[in-house]
Every structure is written in C-alpha cells, then in structure tokens.
Amino acid sequence: MDRLIEKYRQIIKDVLSEYINIDYAYGDIKNEAIFDDTNNRYIILSLGWQKNKRIHGCLIHVEIIDDKIWIQRDGTEDDIAYELEKAGIPKKQMVLGFHDSDVRKYTDYAIC
C-alpha cells in the first residue's frame, strides 16, 4: 500500500501544482502550495488583495486519510475530483469530504 500512497501523493501534487500559476483578472492574488507528505495534507492557498479587501483563503484542500483521498475543499471551476481521476486515482478511492455523508452515498465516489 505504501507504493500506492506514494503514487497518490505524486498525482495530488502534480494536479494541484497546476493551480499555483493562475493569473487572476481581478486583484493582486497569488496561489501558494503547502504540501506536507508527513501528514498527507495538500493545500493551495490564495493570498493577496482585491482592491482594498484582503484575500486569504483555501482554494483546494486534499488529504490522504486511511488510504482514501479526502477532498476537503474544492474552490475551483475545474472539479479537482475529476482532475485527480483523469490523472489516475479511481473514484472509489476519493471521498468528497465537503459533502455531508448522507449526500456522498448518491455519488460515484467513496462514502466513508
């Protein structure tokens, strides 16, 4: 399982890295990656200013918990679960953590 987890870590980092260099049409906003292999947490933060408003928020948050890929936050237009699936992670290995467990059972993804 360790090799599979290592493969998933690399896929997650590769997919999330594509969001680091997004150019925003509004404001001075940059995305930054926080990749923590020790704790299996992968986050893209959006930081900057939109006019006089401070922007500081989580765009994407993915974790590996009990050998499942938990998508805790997906603030993208692209659908991170779909991008991870295209990159090689099966739907049944991913949990849409941002949905209530009662809703998850109606998806093609893992329930947990």
PDB file of N, CA and C in Angstrom:
ATOM      1  N   MET A   1       0.823  -1.200   0.000  1.00  0.00           N
ATOM      2  CA  MET A   1       0.000   0.000   0.000  1.00  0.00           C
ATOM      3  C   MET A   1       0.862   1.257   0.000  1.00  0.00           C
ATOM      4  N   ASP A   2       2.065   1.166   0.574  1.00  0.00           N
ATOM      5  CA  ASP A   2       2.930   2.349   0.634  1.00  0.00           C
ATOM      6  C   ASP A   2       3.266   2.885  -0.753  1.00  0.00           C
ATOM      7  N   ARG A   3       3.496   1.976  -1.710  1.00  0.00           N
ATOM      8  CA  ARG A   3       3.799   2.450  -3.068  1.00  0.00           C
ATOM      9  C   ARG A   3       2.590   3.121  -3.702  1.00  0.00           C
ATOM     10  N   LEU A   4       1.411   2.590  -3.416  1.00  0.00           N
ATOM     11  CA  LEU A   4       0.190   3.199  -3.944  1.00  0.00           C
ATOM     12  C   LEU A   4      -0.022   4.581  -3.334  1.00  0.00           C
ATOM     13  N   ILE A   5       0.194   4.701  -2.031  1.00  0.00           N
ATOM     14  CA  ILE A   5       0.061   6.004  -1.362  1.00  0.00           C
ATOM     15  C   ILE A   5       1.077   6.985  -1.931  1.00  0.00           C
ATOM     16  N   GLU A   6       2.296   6.524  -2.161  1.00  0.00           N
ATOM     17  CA  GLU A   6       3.320   7.401  -2.747  1.00  0.00           C
ATOM     18  C   GLU A   6       2.905   7.851  -4.148  1.00  0.00           C
ATOM     19  N   LYS A   7       2.317   6.942  -4.911  1.00  0.00           N
ATOM     20  CA  LYS A   7       1.809   7.293  -6.247  1.00  0.00           C
ATOM     21  C   LYS A   7       0.707   8.351  -6.130  1.00  0.00           C
ATOM     22  N   TYR A   8      -0.218   8.161  -5.187  1.00  0.00           N
ATOM     23  CA  TYR A   8      -1.302   9.122  -4.990  1.00  0.00           C
ATOM     24  C   TYR A   8      -0.760  10.480  -4.559  1.00  0.00           C
ATOM     25  N   ARG A   9       0.233  10.480  -3.673  1.00  0.00           N
ATOM     26  CA  ARG A   9       0.853  11.745  -3.258  1.00  0.00           C
ATOM     27  C   ARG A   9       1.373  12.504  -4.467  1.00  0.00           C
ATOM     28  N   GLN A  10       2.075  11.802  -5.339  1.00  0.00           N
ATOM     29  CA  GLN A  10       2.664  12.465  -6.506  1.00  0.00           C
ATOM     30  C   GLN A  10       1.587  12.984  -7.453  1.00  0.00           C
ATOM     31  N   ILE A  11       0.536  12.195  -7.662  1.00  0.00           N
ATOM     32  CA  ILE A  11      -0.565  12.641  -8.524  1.00  0.00           C
ATOM     33  C   ILE A  11      -1.206  13.899  -7.939  1.00  0.00           C
ATOM     34  N   ILE A  12      -1.477  13.886  -6.645  1.00  0.00           N
ATOM     35  CA  ILE A  12      -2.093  15.049  -5.991  1.00  0.00           C
ATOM     36  C   ILE A  12      -1.211  16.279  -6.169  1.00  0.00           C
ATOM     37  N   LYS A  13       0.078  16.134  -5.905  1.00  0.00           N
ATOM     38  CA  LYS A  13       0.990  17.282  -6.032  1.00  0.00           C
ATOM     39  C   LYS A  13       1.064  17.774  -7.474  1.00  0.00           C
ATOM     40  N   ASP A  14       1.093  16.855  -8.427  1.00  0.00           N
ATOM     41  CA  ASP A  14       1.144  17.253  -9.839  1.00  0.00           C
ATOM     42  C   ASP A  14      -0.111  18.021 -10.240  1.00  0.00           C
ATOM     43  N   VAL A  15      -1.277  17.503  -9.865  1.00  0.00           N
ATOM     44  CA  VAL A  15      -2.543  18.149 -10.238  1.00  0.00           C
ATOM     45  C   VAL A  15      -2.682  19.499  -9.539  1.00  0.00           C
ATOM     46  N   LEU A  16      -2.410  19.555  -8.248  1.00  0.00           N
ATOM     47  CA  LEU A  16      -2.557  20.809  -7.512  1.00  0.00           C
ATOM     48  C   LEU A  16      -1.543  21.858  -7.949  1.00  0.00           C
ATOM     49  N   SER A  17      -0.373  21.431  -8.367  1.00  0.00           N
ATOM     50  CA  SER A  17       0.664  22.379  -8.810  1.00  0.00           C
ATOM     51  C   SER A  17       0.219  23.207 -10.006  1.00  0.00           C
ATOM     52  N   GLU A  18      -0.701  22.683 -10.792  1.00  0.00           N
ATOM     53  CA  GLU A  18      -1.208  23.428 -11.948  1.00  0.00           C
ATOM     54  C   GLU A  18      -1.956  24.699 -11.526  1.00  0.00           C
ATOM     55  N   TYR A  19      -2.364  24.782 -10.274  1.00  0.00           N
ATOM     56  CA  TYR A  19      -3.131  25.931  -9.786  1.00  0.00           C
ATOM     57  C   TYR A  19      -2.253  27.014  -9.175  1.00  0.00           C
ATOM     58  N   ILE A  20      -0.961  26.775  -9.089  1.00  0.00           N
ATOM     59  CA  ILE A  20      -0.065  27.749  -8.466  1.00  0.00           C
ATOM     60  C   ILE A  20       0.084  29.006  -9.316  1.00  0.00           C
ATOM     61  N   ASN A  21       0.161  28.863 -10.615  1.00  0.00           N
ATOM     62  CA  ASN A  21       0.450  29.998 -11.500  1.00  0.00           C
ATOM     63  C   ASN A  21      -0.774  30.573 -12.190  1.00  0.00           C
ATOM     64  N   ILE A  22      -1.927  30.439 -11.592  1.00  0.00           N
ATOM     65  CA  ILE A  22      -3.139  31.019 -12.174  1.00  0.00           C
ATOM     66  C   ILE A  22      -3.033  32.540 -12.134  1.00  0.00           C
ATOM     67  N   ASP A  23      -3.336  33.175 -13.254  1.00  0.00           N
ATOM     68  CA  ASP A  23      -3.390  34.637 -13.306  1.00  0.00           C
ATOM     69  C   ASP A  23      -4.831  35.073 -13.062  1.00  0.00           C
ATOM     70  N   TYR A  24      -5.020  35.882 -12.044  1.00  0.00           N
ATOM     71  CA  TYR A  24      -6.348  36.392 -11.730  1.00  0.00           C
ATOM     72  C   TYR A  24      -6.560  37.716 -12.447  1.00  0.00           C
ATOM     73  N   ALA A  25      -7.721  37.882 -13.069  1.00  0.00           N
ATOM     74  CA  ALA A  25      -8.036  39.107 -13.802  1.00  0.00           C
ATOM     75  C   ALA A  25      -8.345  40.255 -12.851  1.00  0.00           C
ATOM     76  N   TYR A  26      -8.679  39.940 -11.638  1.00  0.00           N
ATOM     77  CA  TYR A  26      -9.029  40.952 -10.646  1.00  0.00           C
ATOM     78  C   TYR A  26      -8.052  40.844  -9.478  1.00  0.00           C
ATOM     79  N   GLY A  27      -7.584  41.946  -9.021  1.00  0.00           N
ATOM     80  CA  GLY A  27      -6.736  41.976  -7.832  1.00  0.00           C
ATOM     81  C   GLY A  27      -5.336  41.420  -8.018  1.00  0.00           C
ATOM     82  N   ASP A  28      -4.554  41.593  -6.995  1.00  0.00           N
ATOM     83  CA  ASP A  28      -3.184  41.088  -6.941  1.00  0.00           C
ATOM     84  C   ASP A  28      -3.200  39.841  -6.061  1.00  0.00           C
ATOM     85  N   ILE A  29      -3.569  38.718  -6.669  1.00  0.00           N
ATOM     86  CA  ILE A  29      -3.769  37.477  -5.926  1.00  0.00           C
ATOM     87  C   ILE A  29      -2.839  36.404  -6.479  1.00  0.00           C
ATOM     88  N   LYS A  30      -2.194  35.708  -5.582  1.00  0.00           N
ATOM     89  CA  LYS A  30      -1.297  34.609  -5.943  1.00  0.00           C
ATOM     90  C   LYS A  30      -1.736  33.363  -5.187  1.00  0.00           C
ATOM     91  N   ASN A  31      -1.494  32.219  -5.788  1.00  0.00           N
ATOM     92  CA  ASN A  31      -1.739  30.951  -5.112  1.00  0.00           C
ATOM     93  C   ASN A  31      -0.417  30.374  -4.649  1.00  0.00           C
ATOM     94  N   GLU A  32      -0.447  29.739  -3.498  1.00  0.00           N
ATOM     95  CA  GLU A  32       0.768  29.118  -2.975  1.00  0.00           C
ATOM     96  C   GLU A  32       0.436  27.714  -2.486  1.00  0.00           C
ATOM     97  N   ALA A  33       1.379  26.801  -2.692  1.00  0.00           N
ATOM     98  CA  ALA A  33       1.184  25.398  -2.329  1.00  0.00           C
ATOM     99  C   ALA A  33       1.755  25.108  -0.953  1.00  0.00           C
ATOM    100  N   ILE A  34       1.028  24.311  -0.208  1.00  0.00           N
ATOM    101  CA  ILE A  34       1.515  23.758   1.048  1.00  0.00           C
ATOM    102  C   ILE A  34       1.366  22.243   0.919  1.00  0.00           C
ATOM    103  N   PHE A  35       2.474  21.564   0.691  1.00  0.00           N
ATOM    104  CA  PHE A  35       2.472  20.115   0.513  1.00  0.00           C
ATOM    105  C   PHE A  35       3.188  19.479   1.696  1.00  0.00           C
ATOM    106  N   ASP A  36       2.482  18.675   2.460  1.00  0.00           N
ATOM    107  CA  ASP A  36       3.011  18.041   3.667  1.00  0.00           C
ATOM    108  C   ASP A  36       2.889  16.526   3.526  1.00  0.00           C
ATOM    109  N   ASP A  37       3.945  15.885   3.024  1.00  0.00           N
ATOM    110  CA  ASP A  37       3.930  14.436   2.848  1.00  0.00           C
ATOM    111  C   ASP A  37       3.899  13.688   4.178  1.00  0.00           C
ATOM    112  N   THR A  38       4.471  14.256   5.213  1.00  0.00           N
ATOM    113  CA  THR A  38       4.496  13.592   6.518  1.00  0.00           C
ATOM    114  C   THR A  38       3.086  13.371   7.049  1.00  0.00           C
ATOM    115  N   ASN A  39       2.237  14.384   6.916  1.00  0.00           N
ATOM    116  CA  ASN A  39       0.856  14.307   7.404  1.00  0.00           C
ATOM    117  C   ASN A  39      -0.163  14.106   6.289  1.00  0.00           C
ATOM    118  N   ASN A  40       0.313  13.928   5.055  1.00  0.00           N
ATOM    119  CA  ASN A  40      -0.551  13.687   3.896  1.00  0.00           C
ATOM    120  C   ASN A  40      -1.601  14.778   3.704  1.00  0.00           C
ATOM    121  N   ARG A  41      -1.151  16.041   3.776  1.00  0.00           N
ATOM    122  CA  ARG A  41      -2.032  17.196   3.564  1.00  0.00           C
ATOM    123  C   ARG A  41      -1.496  18.026   2.414  1.00  0.00           C
ATOM    124  N   TYR A  42      -2.402  18.415   1.522  1.00  0.00           N
ATOM    125  CA  TYR A  42      -2.017  19.147   0.317  1.00  0.00           C
ATOM    126  C   TYR A  42      -3.014  20.287   0.129  1.00  0.00           C
ATOM    127  N   ILE A  43      -2.492  21.509   0.166  1.00  0.00           N
ATOM    128  CA  ILE A  43      -3.348  22.699   0.191  1.00  0.00           C
ATOM    129  C   ILE A  43      -2.840  23.726  -0.813  1.00  0.00           C
ATOM    130  N   ILE A  44      -3.768  24.381  -1.489  1.00  0.00           N
ATOM    131  CA  ILE A  44      -3.457  25.559  -2.295  1.00  0.00           C
ATOM    132  C   ILE A  44      -4.179  26.733  -1.638  1.00  0.00           C
ATOM    133  N   LEU A  45      -3.393  27.724  -1.212  1.00  0.00           N
ATOM    134  CA  LEU A  45      -3.937  28.937  -0.594  1.00  0.00           C
ATOM    135  C   LEU A  45      -3.923  30.079  -1.594  1.00  0.00           C
ATOM    136  N   SER A  46      -4.953  30.881  -1.571  1.00  0.00           N
ATOM    137  CA  SER A  46      -4.999  32.113  -2.359  1.00  0.00           C
ATOM    138  C   SER A  46      -4.716  33.277  -1.421  1.00  0.00           C
ATOM    139  N   LEU A  47      -3.732  34.101  -1.788  1.00  0.00           N
ATOM    140  CA  LEU A  47      -3.299  35.218  -0.949  1.00  0.00           C
ATOM    141  C   LEU A  47      -3.156  36.477  -1.787  1.00  0.00           C
ATOM    142  N   GLY A  48      -3.526  37.611  -1.214  1.00  0.00           N
ATOM    143  CA  GLY A  48      -3.319  38.874  -1.910  1.00  0.00           C
ATOM    144  C   GLY A  48      -4.384  39.896  -1.579  1.00  0.00           C
ATOM    145  N   TRP A  49      -4.586  40.801  -2.541  1.00  0.00           N
ATOM    146  CA  TRP A  49      -5.537  41.900  -2.356  1.00  0.00           C
ATOM    147  C   TRP A  49      -6.421  42.041  -3.588  1.00  0.00           C
ATOM    148  N   GLN A  50      -7.695  42.308  -3.341  1.00  0.00           N
ATOM    149  CA  GLN A  50      -8.644  42.673  -4.384  1.00  0.00           C
ATOM    150  C   GLN A  50      -9.163  44.049  -4.007  1.00  0.00           C
ATOM    151  N   LYS A  51      -8.624  45.059  -4.698  1.00  0.00           N
ATOM    152  CA  LYS A  51      -8.831  46.461  -4.321  1.00  0.00           C
ATOM    153  C   LYS A  51      -8.363  46.631  -2.883  1.00  0.00           C
ATOM    154  N   ASN A  52      -9.245  47.010  -1.967  1.00  0.00           N
ATOM    155  CA  ASN A  52      -8.806  47.203  -0.577  1.00  0.00           C
ATOM    156  C   ASN A  52      -9.226  46.044   0.333  1.00  0.00           C
ATOM    157  N   LYS A  53      -9.574  44.918  -0.259  1.00  0.00           N
ATOM    158  CA  LYS A  53     -10.010  43.751   0.509  1.00  0.00           C
ATOM    159  C   LYS A  53      -8.915  42.682   0.514  1.00  0.00           C
ATOM    160  N   ARG A  54      -8.560  42.217   1.695  1.00  0.00           N
ATOM    161  CA  ARG A  54      -7.554  41.173   1.852  1.00  0.00           C
ATOM    162  C   ARG A  54      -8.138  39.824   1.434  1.00  0.00           C
ATOM    163  N   ILE A  55      -7.397  39.102   0.614  1.00  0.00           N
ATOM    164  CA  ILE A  55      -7.780  37.756   0.194  1.00  0.00           C
ATOM    165  C   ILE A  55      -6.833  36.780   0.868  1.00  0.00           C
ATOM    166  N   HIS A  56      -7.376  35.863   1.615  1.00  0.00           N
ATOM    167  CA  HIS A  56      -6.587  34.821   2.266  1.00  0.00           C
ATOM    168  C   HIS A  56      -7.522  33.643   2.478  1.00  0.00           C
ATOM    169  N   GLY A  57      -7.411  32.645   1.622  1.00  0.00           N
ATOM    170  CA  GLY A  57      -8.334  31.527   1.752  1.00  0.00           C
ATOM    171  C   GLY A  57      -7.832  30.272   1.085  1.00  0.00           C
ATOM    172  N   CYS A  58      -8.461  29.199   1.447  1.00  0.00           N
ATOM    173  CA  CYS A  58      -8.113  27.885   0.930  1.00  0.00           C
ATOM    174  C   CYS A  58      -8.860  27.640  -0.380  1.00  0.00           C
ATOM    175  N   LEU A  59      -8.118  27.478  -1.462  1.00  0.00           N
ATOM    176  CA  LEU A  59      -8.712  27.153  -2.756  1.00  0.00           C
ATOM    177  C   LEU A  59      -8.954  25.648  -2.860  1.00  0.00           C
ATOM    178  N   ILE A  60      -7.953  24.862  -2.473  1.00  0.00           N
ATOM    179  CA  ILE A  60      -8.037  23.402  -2.554  1.00  0.00           C
ATOM    180  C   ILE A  60      -7.413  22.804  -1.292  1.00  0.00           C
ATOM    181  N   HIS A  61      -8.064  21.785  -0.753  1.00  0.00           N
ATOM    182  CA  HIS A  61      -7.521  21.060   0.402  1.00  0.00           C
ATOM    183  C   HIS A  61      -7.806  19.574   0.186  1.00  0.00           C
ATOM    184  N   VAL A  62      -6.729  18.798   0.075  1.00  0.00           N
ATOM    185  CA  VAL A  62      -6.827  17.355  -0.134  1.00  0.00           C
ATOM    186  C   VAL A  62      -5.980  16.669   0.928  1.00  0.00           C
ATOM    187  N   GLU A  63      -6.492  15.580   1.482  1.00  0.00           N
ATOM    188  CA  GLU A  63      -5.746  14.797   2.464  1.00  0.00           C
ATOM    189  C   GLU A  63      -5.837  13.317   2.115  1.00  0.00           C
ATOM    190  N   ILE A  64      -4.846  12.560   2.539  1.00  0.00           N
ATOM    191  CA  ILE A  64      -4.918  11.109   2.466  1.00  0.00           C
ATOM    192  C   ILE A  64      -5.171  10.627   3.892  1.00  0.00           C
ATOM    193  N   ILE A  65      -6.334  10.016   4.089  1.00  0.00           N
ATOM    194  CA  ILE A  65      -6.744   9.524   5.402  1.00  0.00           C
ATOM    195  C   ILE A  65      -7.176   8.068   5.237  1.00  0.00           C
ATOM    196  N   ASP A  66      -6.549   7.181   5.989  1.00  0.00           N
ATOM    197  CA  ASP A  66      -6.893   5.753   5.933  1.00  0.00           C
ATOM    198  C   ASP A  66      -6.938   5.239   4.492  1.00  0.00           C
ATOM    199  N   ASP A  67      -5.917   5.563   3.737  1.00  0.00           N
ATOM    200  CA  ASP A  67      -5.747   5.098   2.353  1.00  0.00           C
ATOM    201  C   ASP A  67      -6.799   5.623   1.375  1.00  0.00           C
ATOM    202  N   LYS A  68      -7.558   6.624   1.759  1.00  0.00           N
ATOM    203  CA  LYS A  68      -8.516   7.272   0.859  1.00  0.00           C
ATOM    204  C   LYS A  68      -8.090   8.716   0.645  1.00  0.00           C
ATOM    205  N   ILE A  69      -8.402   9.241  -0.528  1.00  0.00           N
ATOM    206  CA  ILE A  69      -8.127  10.632  -0.862  1.00  0.00           C
ATOM    207  C   ILE A  69      -9.361  11.442  -0.467  1.00  0.00           C
ATOM    208  N   TRP A  70      -9.213  12.274   0.547  1.00  0.00           N
ATOM    209  CA  TRP A  70     -10.314  13.113   1.022  1.00  0.00           C
ATOM    210  C   TRP A  70     -10.179  14.501   0.413  1.00  0.00           C
ATOM    211  N   ILE A  71     -11.154  14.894  -0.378  1.00  0.00           N
ATOM    212  CA  ILE A  71     -11.189  16.246  -0.929  1.00  0.00           C
ATOM    213  C   ILE A  71     -12.015  17.077   0.053  1.00  0.00           C
ATOM    214  N   GLN A  72     -11.320  17.864   0.855  1.00  0.00           N
ATOM    215  CA  GLN A  72     -11.964  18.634   1.920  1.00  0.00           C
ATOM    216  C   GLN A  72     -12.517  19.965   1.413  1.00  0.00           C
ATOM    217  N   ARG A  73     -11.865  20.506   0.393  1.00  0.00           N
ATOM    218  CA  ARG A  73     -12.291  21.805  -0.166  1.00  0.00           C
ATOM    219  C   ARG A  73     -11.930  21.828  -1.637  1.00  0.00           C
ATOM    220  N   ASP A  74     -12.877  22.222  -2.457  1.00  0.00           N
ATOM    221  CA  ASP A  74     -12.632  22.400  -3.887  1.00  0.00           C
ATOM    222  C   ASP A  74     -13.259  23.720  -4.304  1.00  0.00           C
ATOM    223  N   GLY A  75     -12.441  24.764  -4.344  1.00  0.00           N
ATOM    224  CA  GLY A  75     -12.915  26.082  -4.734  1.00  0.00           C
ATOM    225  C   GLY A  75     -12.612  26.394  -6.191  1.00  0.00           C
ATOM    226  N   THR A  76     -12.395  25.361  -6.993  1.00  0.00           N
ATOM    227  CA  THR A  76     -12.042  25.559  -8.398  1.00  0.00           C
ATOM    228  C   THR A  76     -13.270  25.460  -9.290  1.00  0.00           C
ATOM    229  N   GLU A  77     -13.103  25.894 -10.513  1.00  0.00           N
ATOM    230  CA  GLU A  77     -14.143  25.721 -11.523  1.00  0.00           C
ATOM    231  C   GLU A  77     -13.985  24.383 -12.235  1.00  0.00           C
ATOM    232  N   ASP A  78     -12.814  23.767 -12.093  1.00  0.00           N
ATOM    233  CA  ASP A  78     -12.470  22.583 -12.885  1.00  0.00           C
ATOM    234  C   ASP A  78     -12.936  21.259 -12.301  1.00  0.00           C
ATOM    235  N   ASP A  79     -13.210  21.170 -11.012  1.00  0.00           N
ATOM    236  CA  ASP A  79     -13.568  19.934 -10.320  1.00  0.00           C
ATOM    237  C   ASP A  79     -12.317  19.089 -10.089  1.00  0.00           C
ATOM    238  N   ILE A  80     -11.726  19.278  -8.925  1.00  0.00           N
ATOM    239  CA  ILE A  80     -10.487  18.592  -8.567  1.00  0.00           C
ATOM    240  C   ILE A  80     -10.654  17.079  -8.600  1.00  0.00           C
ATOM    241  N   ALA A  81     -11.790  16.556  -8.171  1.00  0.00           N
ATOM    242  CA  ALA A  81     -12.005  15.103  -8.195  1.00  0.00           C
ATOM    243  C   ALA A  81     -11.865  14.573  -9.619  1.00  0.00           C
ATOM    244  N   TYR A  82     -12.448  15.279 -10.570  1.00  0.00           N
ATOM    245  CA  TYR A  82     -12.349  14.874 -11.976  1.00  0.00           C
ATOM    246  C   TYR A  82     -10.899  14.924 -12.449  1.00  0.00           C
ATOM    247  N   GLU A  83     -10.182  15.976 -12.074  1.00  0.00           N
ATOM    248  CA  GLU A  83      -8.777  16.111 -12.474  1.00  0.00           C
ATOM    249  C   GLU A  83      -7.928  14.991 -11.866  1.00  0.00           C
ATOM    250  N   LEU A  84      -8.184  14.650 -10.608  1.00  0.00           N
ATOM    251  CA  LEU A  84      -7.444  13.559  -9.967  1.00  0.00           C
ATOM    252  C   LEU A  84      -7.781  12.218 -10.611  1.00  0.00           C
ATOM    253  N   GLU A  85      -9.041  12.035 -10.979  1.00  0.00           N
ATOM    254  CA  GLU A  85      -9.438  10.799 -11.659  1.00  0.00           C
ATOM    255  C   GLU A  85      -8.746  10.685 -13.018  1.00  0.00           C
ATOM    256  N   LYS A  86      -8.733  11.779 -13.773  1.00  0.00           N
ATOM    257  CA  LYS A  86      -8.041  11.771 -15.074  1.00  0.00           C
ATOM    258  C   LYS A  86      -6.566  11.427 -14.919  1.00  0.00           C
ATOM    259  N   ALA A  87      -5.986  11.823 -13.793  1.00  0.00           N
ATOM    260  CA  ALA A  87      -4.563  11.593 -13.551  1.00  0.00           C
ATOM    261  C   ALA A  87      -4.280  10.191 -13.004  1.00  0.00           C
ATOM    262  N   GLY A  88      -5.333   9.423 -12.678  1.00  0.00           N
ATOM    263  CA  GLY A  88      -5.091   8.037 -12.292  1.00  0.00           C
ATOM    264  C   GLY A  88      -5.619   7.573 -10.950  1.00  0.00           C
ATOM    265  N   ILE A  89      -6.338   8.415 -10.225  1.00  0.00           N
ATOM    266  CA  ILE A  89      -6.898   7.989  -8.940  1.00  0.00           C
ATOM    267  C   ILE A  89      -8.359   7.579  -9.166  1.00  0.00           C
ATOM    268  N   PRO A  90      -8.707   6.325  -8.869  1.00  0.00           N
ATOM    269  CA  PRO A  90     -10.088   5.869  -9.086  1.00  0.00           C
ATOM    270  C   PRO A  90     -11.086   6.603  -8.191  1.00  0.00           C
ATOM    271  N   LYS A  91     -12.298   6.784  -8.705  1.00  0.00           N
ATOM    272  CA  LYS A  91     -13.352   7.462  -7.939  1.00  0.00           C
ATOM    273  C   LYS A  91     -13.577   6.804  -6.581  1.00  0.00           C
ATOM    274  N   LYS A  92     -13.523   5.492  -6.531  1.00  0.00           N
ATOM    275  CA  LYS A  92     -13.798   4.759  -5.287  1.00  0.00           C
ATOM    276  C   LYS A  92     -12.701   4.946  -4.247  1.00  0.00           C
ATOM    277  N   GLN A  93     -11.598   5.594  -4.627  1.00  0.00           N
ATOM    278  CA  GLN A  93     -10.533   5.917  -3.675  1.00  0.00           C
ATOM    279  C   GLN A  93     -10.667   7.345  -3.153  1.00  0.00           C
ATOM    280  N   MET A  94     -11.620   8.106  -3.696  1.00  0.00           N
ATOM    281  CA  MET A  94     -11.781   9.511  -3.312  1.00  0.00           C
ATOM    282  C   MET A  94     -13.076   9.726  -2.535  1.00  0.00           C
ATOM    283  N   VAL A  95     -12.974  10.533  -1.495  1.00  0.00           N
ATOM    284  CA  VAL A  95     -14.132  10.906  -0.680  1.00  0.00           C
ATOM    285  C   VAL A  95     -14.357  12.404  -0.855  1.00  0.00           C
ATOM    286  N   LEU A  96     -15.576  12.782  -1.182  1.00  0.00           N
ATOM    287  CA  LEU A  96     -15.914  14.201  -1.298  1.00  0.00           C
ATOM    288  C   LEU A  96     -16.249  14.712   0.100  1.00  0.00           C
ATOM    289  N   GLY A  97     -15.222  15.052   0.849  1.00  0.00           N
ATOM    290  CA  GLY A  97     -15.361  15.435   2.246  1.00  0.00           C
ATOM    291  C   GLY A  97     -16.157  16.705   2.464  1.00  0.00           C
ATOM    292  N   PHE A  98     -16.306  17.510   1.428  1.00  0.00           N
ATOM    293  CA  PHE A  98     -17.074  18.755   1.554  1.00  0.00           C
ATOM    294  C   PHE A  98     -18.577  18.503   1.474  1.00  0.00           C
ATOM    295  N   HIS A  99     -18.970  17.249   1.178  1.00  0.00           N
ATOM    296  CA  HIS A  99     -20.387  16.874   1.194  1.00  0.00           C
ATOM    297  C   HIS A  99     -20.698  16.110   2.473  1.00  0.00           C
ATOM    298  N   ASP A 100     -21.884  16.301   2.994  1.00  0.00           N
ATOM    299  CA  ASP A 100     -22.371  15.523   4.127  1.00  0.00           C
ATOM    300  C   ASP A 100     -22.379  14.036   3.753  1.00  0.00           C
ATOM    301  N   SER A 101     -22.180  13.164   4.724  1.00  0.00           N
ATOM    302  CA  SER A 101     -22.141  11.727   4.437  1.00  0.00           C
ATOM    303  C   SER A 101     -23.459  11.226   3.844  1.00  0.00           C
ATOM    304  N   ASP A 102     -24.567  11.876   4.165  1.00  0.00           N
ATOM    305  CA  ASP A 102     -25.851  11.490   3.574  1.00  0.00           C
ATOM    306  C   ASP A 102     -25.905  11.800   2.081  1.00  0.00           C
ATOM    307  N   VAL A 103     -25.182  12.803   1.648  1.00  0.00           N
ATOM    308  CA  VAL A 103     -25.142  13.171   0.231  1.00  0.00           C
ATOM    309  C   VAL A 103     -24.150  12.283  -0.521  1.00  0.00           C
ATOM    310  N   ARG A 104     -23.042  11.933   0.126  1.00  0.00           N
ATOM    311  CA  ARG A 104     -21.985  11.144  -0.525  1.00  0.00           C
ATOM    312  C   ARG A 104     -22.490   9.827  -1.093  1.00  0.00           C
ATOM    313  N   LYS A 105     -23.476   9.224  -0.448  1.00  0.00           N
ATOM    314  CA  LYS A 105     -23.958   7.917  -0.914  1.00  0.00           C
ATOM    315  C   LYS A 105     -24.620   7.998  -2.291  1.00  0.00           C
ATOM    316  N   TYR A 106     -24.945   9.191  -2.735  1.00  0.00           N
ATOM    317  CA  TYR A 106     -25.562   9.370  -4.045  1.00  0.00           C
ATOM    318  C   TYR A 106     -24.542   9.711  -5.133  1.00  0.00           C
ATOM    319  N   THR A 107     -23.267   9.703  -4.779  1.00  0.00           N
ATOM    320  CA  THR A 107     -22.211   9.981  -5.754  1.00  0.00           C
ATOM    321  C   THR A 107     -21.533   8.674  -6.146  1.00  0.00           C
ATOM    322  N   ASP A 108     -20.685   8.737  -7.149  1.00  0.00           N
ATOM    323  CA  ASP A 108     -19.904   7.568  -7.569  1.00  0.00           C
ATOM    324  C   ASP A 108     -18.601   7.455  -6.792  1.00  0.00           C
ATOM    325  N   TYR A 109     -18.416   8.330  -5.819  1.00  0.00           N
ATOM    326  CA  TYR A 109     -17.175   8.358  -5.050  1.00  0.00           C
ATOM    327  C   TYR A 109     -17.331   7.553  -3.760  1.00  0.00           C
ATOM    328  N   ALA A 110     -16.219   7.356  -3.049  1.00  0.00           N
ATOM    329  CA  ALA A 110     -16.248   6.613  -1.787  1.00  0.00           C
ATOM    330  C   ALA A 110     -17.146   7.332  -0.780  1.00  0.00           C
ATOM    331  N   ILE A 111     -17.732   6.571   0.118  1.00  0.00           N
ATOM    332  CA  ILE A 111     -18.680   7.140   1.079  1.00  0.00           C
ATOM    333  C   ILE A 111     -18.002   7.501   2.393  1.00  0.00           C
ATOM    334  N   CYS A 112     -17.342   6.561   3.026  1.00  0.00           N
ATOM    335  CA  CYS A 112     -16.676   6.707   4.341  1.00  0.00           C
ATOM    336  C   CYS A 112     -17.575   7.367   5.345  1.00  0.00           C
TER     337      CYS A 112
END
